């Protein structure tokens, strides 16, 4: 899965995504995301728990072309001023990371939301906010909007 790898290797237990980036590695685990910052003699891991993640931005820096995977910069925003940044991540891996973050955030928000009645307008606002934060795409927002409005 790493940068320029020819074949996918089995992932270590508990690891959902493992890919290289210019800093070292981007690792998505069951409960957290880590960016390993490597220098010649030291590896420093920066970590955000899924419960701390407030948003994600995947910016394509090099588009896919035949025989070339394309690359992106991944920024993961956390509570306070916490931000993880991984550059030159293989585009397919970056998209997988975004999907996992969105799934985990949606699941967490559903689990923590009281089962009170909400209006259609409240639901639309919630999904519009998620779209503006980059958590869901325009297409996902439109699908939810269509489902809510009938």
C-alpha atoms as a PDB file:
ATOM      1  CA  UNK A   1       0.000   0.000   0.000  1.00  0.00           C
ATOM      2  CA  UNK A   2       2.914   2.335   0.458  1.00  0.00           C
ATOM      3  CA  UNK A   3       4.319   4.859  -1.917  1.00  0.00           C
ATOM      4  CA  UNK A   4       5.328   3.209  -5.206  1.00  0.00           C
ATOM      5  CA  UNK A   5       4.720  -0.301  -3.851  1.00  0.00           C
ATOM      6  CA  UNK A   6       4.077  -2.979  -6.468  1.00  0.00           C
ATOM      7  CA  UNK A   7       1.903  -5.295  -4.375  1.00  0.00           C
ATOM      8  CA  UNK A   8      -0.345  -4.944  -1.366  1.00  0.00           C
ATOM      9  CA  UNK A   9       1.076  -6.573   1.740  1.00  0.00           C
ATOM     10  CA  UNK A  10      -1.066  -7.807   4.626  1.00  0.00           C
ATOM     11  CA  UNK A  11      -1.601  -5.072   7.206  1.00  0.00           C
ATOM     12  CA  UNK A  12      -0.586  -5.539  10.834  1.00  0.00           C
ATOM     13  CA  UNK A  13      -3.456  -6.373  13.184  1.00  0.00           C
ATOM     14  CA  UNK A  14      -5.555  -3.330  14.106  1.00  0.00           C
ATOM     15  CA  UNK A  15      -4.229  -1.267  11.166  1.00  0.00           C
ATOM     16  CA  UNK A  16      -6.806  -0.172   8.589  1.00  0.00           C
ATOM     17  CA  UNK A  17      -4.508   1.899   6.339  1.00  0.00           C
ATOM     18  CA  UNK A  18      -0.717   2.030   6.230  1.00  0.00           C
ATOM     19  CA  UNK A  19       0.951   4.191   3.608  1.00  0.00           C
ATOM     20  CA  UNK A  20       4.086   6.221   3.138  1.00  0.00           C
ATOM     21  CA  UNK A  21       4.198   9.981   2.917  1.00  0.00           C
ATOM     22  CA  UNK A  22       7.036  12.487   2.685  1.00  0.00           C
ATOM     23  CA  UNK A  23       7.164  12.762   6.476  1.00  0.00           C
ATOM     24  CA  UNK A  24       7.388   8.993   6.965  1.00  0.00           C
ATOM     25  CA  UNK A  25       4.088   7.133   7.283  1.00  0.00           C
ATOM     26  CA  UNK A  26       0.356   7.658   7.674  1.00  0.00           C
ATOM     27  CA  UNK A  27      -1.332   4.976   9.763  1.00  0.00           C
ATOM     28  CA  UNK A  28      -5.046   4.588  10.435  1.00  0.00           C
ATOM     29  CA  UNK A  29      -5.811   2.302  13.360  1.00  0.00           C
ATOM     30  CA  UNK A  30      -9.149   1.247  14.829  1.00  0.00           C
ATOM     31  CA  UNK A  31      -9.184   4.149  17.308  1.00  0.00           C
ATOM     32  CA  UNK A  32      -6.704   6.710  15.991  1.00  0.00           C
ATOM     33  CA  UNK A  33      -4.668   8.164  13.151  1.00  0.00           C
ATOM     34  CA  UNK A  34      -0.912   8.536  13.353  1.00  0.00           C
ATOM     35  CA  UNK A  35       1.642  10.340  11.233  1.00  0.00           C
ATOM     36  CA  UNK A  36       5.140   9.003  11.784  1.00  0.00           C
ATOM     37  CA  UNK A  37       7.741  11.695  11.352  1.00  0.00           C
ATOM     38  CA  UNK A  38      11.063  10.103  10.479  1.00  0.00           C
ATOM     39  CA  UNK A  39      14.526  11.602  10.559  1.00  0.00           C
ATOM     40  CA  UNK A  40      17.778   9.725  10.221  1.00  0.00           C
ATOM     41  CA  UNK A  41      17.797   8.535  13.815  1.00  0.00           C
ATOM     42  CA  UNK A  42      14.375   9.308  15.333  1.00  0.00           C
ATOM     43  CA  UNK A  43      10.770   8.453  14.577  1.00  0.00           C
ATOM     44  CA  UNK A  44       8.195  10.697  16.233  1.00  0.00           C
ATOM     45  CA  UNK A  45       4.517   9.730  16.086  1.00  0.00           C
ATOM     46  CA  UNK A  46       1.854  12.413  16.084  1.00  0.00           C
ATOM     47  CA  UNK A  47      -1.551  10.993  16.992  1.00  0.00           C
ATOM     48  CA  UNK A  48      -5.206  11.998  16.947  1.00  0.00           C
ATOM     49  CA  UNK A  49      -7.905   9.765  18.407  1.00  0.00           C
ATOM     50  CA  UNK A  50     -11.043   9.504  16.291  1.00  0.00           C
ATOM     51  CA  UNK A  51     -12.936  11.104  19.171  1.00  0.00           C
ATOM     52  CA  UNK A  52     -10.701  14.197  18.787  1.00  0.00           C
ATOM     53  CA  UNK A  53     -11.069  14.550  15.008  1.00  0.00           C
ATOM     54  CA  UNK A  54     -13.197  17.469  13.848  1.00  0.00           C
ATOM     55  CA  UNK A  55     -12.553  17.313  10.100  1.00  0.00           C
ATOM     56  CA  UNK A  56     -10.400  16.128   7.234  1.00  0.00           C
ATOM     57  CA  UNK A  57      -9.173  17.754   4.047  1.00  0.00           C
ATOM     58  CA  UNK A  58      -7.769  15.754   1.125  1.00  0.00           C
ATOM     59  CA  UNK A  59      -6.216  17.959  -1.523  1.00  0.00           C
ATOM     60  CA  UNK A  60      -5.114  16.280  -4.750  1.00  0.00           C
ATOM     61  CA  UNK A  61      -1.609  17.502  -5.567  1.00  0.00           C
ATOM     62  CA  UNK A  62      -0.919  15.235  -8.556  1.00  0.00           C
ATOM     63  CA  UNK A  63      -3.783  13.704 -10.535  1.00  0.00           C
ATOM     64  CA  UNK A  64      -3.969  10.045 -11.479  1.00  0.00           C
ATOM     65  CA  UNK A  65      -2.598   9.189 -14.894  1.00  0.00           C
ATOM     66  CA  UNK A  66      -2.157   5.841 -16.637  1.00  0.00           C
ATOM     67  CA  UNK A  67       0.502   3.933 -14.711  1.00  0.00           C
ATOM     68  CA  UNK A  68       0.750   6.664 -12.057  1.00  0.00           C
ATOM     69  CA  UNK A  69      -1.299   6.567  -8.813  1.00  0.00           C
ATOM     70  CA  UNK A  70      -1.682  10.304  -8.183  1.00  0.00           C
ATOM     71  CA  UNK A  71      -0.923  11.941  -4.845  1.00  0.00           C
ATOM     72  CA  UNK A  72      -2.634  14.115  -2.247  1.00  0.00           C
ATOM     73  CA  UNK A  73      -2.005  16.082   0.912  1.00  0.00           C
ATOM     74  CA  UNK A  74      -4.097  14.885   3.844  1.00  0.00           C
ATOM     75  CA  UNK A  75      -4.863  17.247   6.736  1.00  0.00           C
ATOM     76  CA  UNK A  76      -6.706  15.900   9.744  1.00  0.00           C
ATOM     77  CA  UNK A  77      -8.061  18.494  12.139  1.00  0.00           C
ATOM     78  CA  UNK A  78      -8.567  17.850  15.833  1.00  0.00           C
ATOM     79  CA  UNK A  79      -9.949  19.628  18.825  1.00  0.00           C
ATOM     80  CA  UNK A  80      -8.094  22.798  19.734  1.00  0.00           C
ATOM     81  CA  UNK A  81      -5.251  23.520  17.344  1.00  0.00           C
ATOM     82  CA  UNK A  82      -4.328  19.896  16.662  1.00  0.00           C
ATOM     83  CA  UNK A  83      -3.615  19.119  13.008  1.00  0.00           C
ATOM     84  CA  UNK A  84      -1.935  16.133  11.403  1.00  0.00           C
ATOM     85  CA  UNK A  85      -0.540  16.658   7.917  1.00  0.00           C
ATOM     86  CA  UNK A  86       0.742  14.025   5.508  1.00  0.00           C
ATOM     87  CA  UNK A  87       2.002  15.025   2.061  1.00  0.00           C
ATOM     88  CA  UNK A  88       2.521  12.946  -1.077  1.00  0.00           C
ATOM     89  CA  UNK A  89       0.095  10.261   0.069  1.00  0.00           C
ATOM     90  CA  UNK A  90      -1.012   7.901  -2.688  1.00  0.00           C
ATOM     91  CA  UNK A  91      -4.399   9.257  -3.841  1.00  0.00           C
ATOM     92  CA  UNK A  92      -6.265   5.948  -3.341  1.00  0.00           C
ATOM     93  CA  UNK A  93      -4.939   5.740   0.228  1.00  0.00           C
ATOM     94  CA  UNK A  94      -5.850   9.389   0.906  1.00  0.00           C
ATOM     95  CA  UNK A  95      -9.406   8.720  -0.275  1.00  0.00           C
ATOM     96  CA  UNK A  96      -9.596   5.615   1.916  1.00  0.00           C
ATOM     97  CA  UNK A  97      -8.452   7.654   4.937  1.00  0.00           C
ATOM     98  CA  UNK A  98     -11.100  10.307   4.231  1.00  0.00           C
ATOM     99  CA  UNK A  99     -13.804   7.636   3.938  1.00  0.00           C
ATOM    100  CA  UNK A 100     -12.771   5.998   7.226  1.00  0.00           C
ATOM    101  CA  UNK A 101     -12.692   9.338   9.072  1.00  0.00           C
ATOM    102  CA  UNK A 102     -16.129  10.255   7.729  1.00  0.00           C
ATOM    103  CA  UNK A 103     -17.559   6.855   8.689  1.00  0.00           C
ATOM    104  CA  UNK A 104     -16.104   7.034  12.205  1.00  0.00           C
ATOM    105  CA  UNK A 105     -17.270  10.613  12.719  1.00  0.00           C
ATOM    106  CA  UNK A 106     -20.775   9.835  11.470  1.00  0.00           C
ATOM    107  CA  UNK A 107     -20.974   6.741  13.700  1.00  0.00           C
ATOM    108  CA  UNK A 108     -19.703   8.679  16.716  1.00  0.00           C
ATOM    109  CA  UNK A 109     -22.118  11.538  16.110  1.00  0.00           C
ATOM    110  CA  UNK A 110     -25.066   9.133  15.794  1.00  0.00           C
ATOM    111  CA  UNK A 111     -24.050   7.334  18.992  1.00  0.00           C
ATOM    112  CA  UNK A 112     -23.731  10.557  20.991  1.00  0.00           C
ATOM    113  CA  UNK A 113     -26.897  12.218  19.668  1.00  0.00           C
ATOM    114  CA  UNK A 114     -29.903  11.962  21.979  1.00  0.00           C
ATOM    115  CA  UNK A 115     -32.887  10.267  20.354  1.00  0.00           C
ATOM    116  CA  UNK A 116     -34.955  13.473  20.411  1.00  0.00           C
ATOM    117  CA  UNK A 117     -37.187  14.508  17.548  1.00  0.00           C
ATOM    118  CA  UNK A 118     -35.493  16.790  15.049  1.00  0.00           C
ATOM    119  CA  UNK A 119     -37.112  18.748  12.293  1.00  0.00           C
ATOM    120  CA  UNK A 120     -36.302  18.352   8.604  1.00  0.00           C
ATOM    121  CA  UNK A 121     -34.758  21.818   8.691  1.00  0.00           C
ATOM    122  CA  UNK A 122     -32.475  20.768  11.570  1.00  0.00           C
ATOM    123  CA  UNK A 123     -31.403  17.663   9.646  1.00  0.00           C
ATOM    124  CA  UNK A 124     -30.707  19.696   6.486  1.00  0.00           C
ATOM    125  CA  UNK A 125     -28.633  22.180   8.489  1.00  0.00           C
ATOM    126  CA  UNK A 126     -26.628  19.363  10.070  1.00  0.00           C
ATOM    127  CA  UNK A 127     -25.808  17.861   6.662  1.00  0.00           C
ATOM    128  CA  UNK A 128     -25.044  21.299   5.181  1.00  0.00           C
ATOM    129  CA  UNK A 129     -22.578  21.895   8.026  1.00  0.00           C
ATOM    130  CA  UNK A 130     -20.952  18.502   7.402  1.00  0.00           C
ATOM    131  CA  UNK A 131     -20.634  19.361   3.705  1.00  0.00           C
ATOM    132  CA  UNK A 132     -19.014  22.726   4.493  1.00  0.00           C
ATOM    133  CA  UNK A 133     -16.553  21.023   6.849  1.00  0.00           C
ATOM    134  CA  UNK A 134     -15.612  18.574   4.098  1.00  0.00           C
ATOM    135  CA  UNK A 135     -16.945  15.590   6.025  1.00  0.00           C
ATOM    136  CA  UNK A 136     -19.418  14.691   3.277  1.00  0.00           C
ATOM    137  CA  UNK A 137     -19.351  15.435  -0.424  1.00  0.00           C
ATOM    138  CA  UNK A 138     -21.817  17.541  -2.413  1.00  0.00           C
ATOM    139  CA  UNK A 139     -23.320  14.328  -3.853  1.00  0.00           C
ATOM    140  CA  UNK A 140     -23.774  12.817  -0.368  1.00  0.00           C
ATOM    141  CA  UNK A 141     -25.411  16.046   0.809  1.00  0.00           C
ATOM    142  CA  UNK A 142     -27.778  16.092  -2.180  1.00  0.00           C
ATOM    143  CA  UNK A 143     -28.727  12.448  -1.577  1.00  0.00           C
ATOM    144  CA  UNK A 144     -29.549  13.184   2.092  1.00  0.00           C
ATOM    145  CA  UNK A 145     -31.459  16.318   1.071  1.00  0.00           C
ATOM    146  CA  UNK A 146     -33.499  14.340  -1.454  1.00  0.00           C
ATOM    147  CA  UNK A 147     -34.218  11.624   1.121  1.00  0.00           C
ATOM    148  CA  UNK A 148     -35.355  14.187   3.703  1.00  0.00           C
ATOM    149  CA  UNK A 149     -37.493  16.270   1.359  1.00  0.00           C
ATOM    150  CA  UNK A 150     -38.919  13.330  -0.535  1.00  0.00           C
END
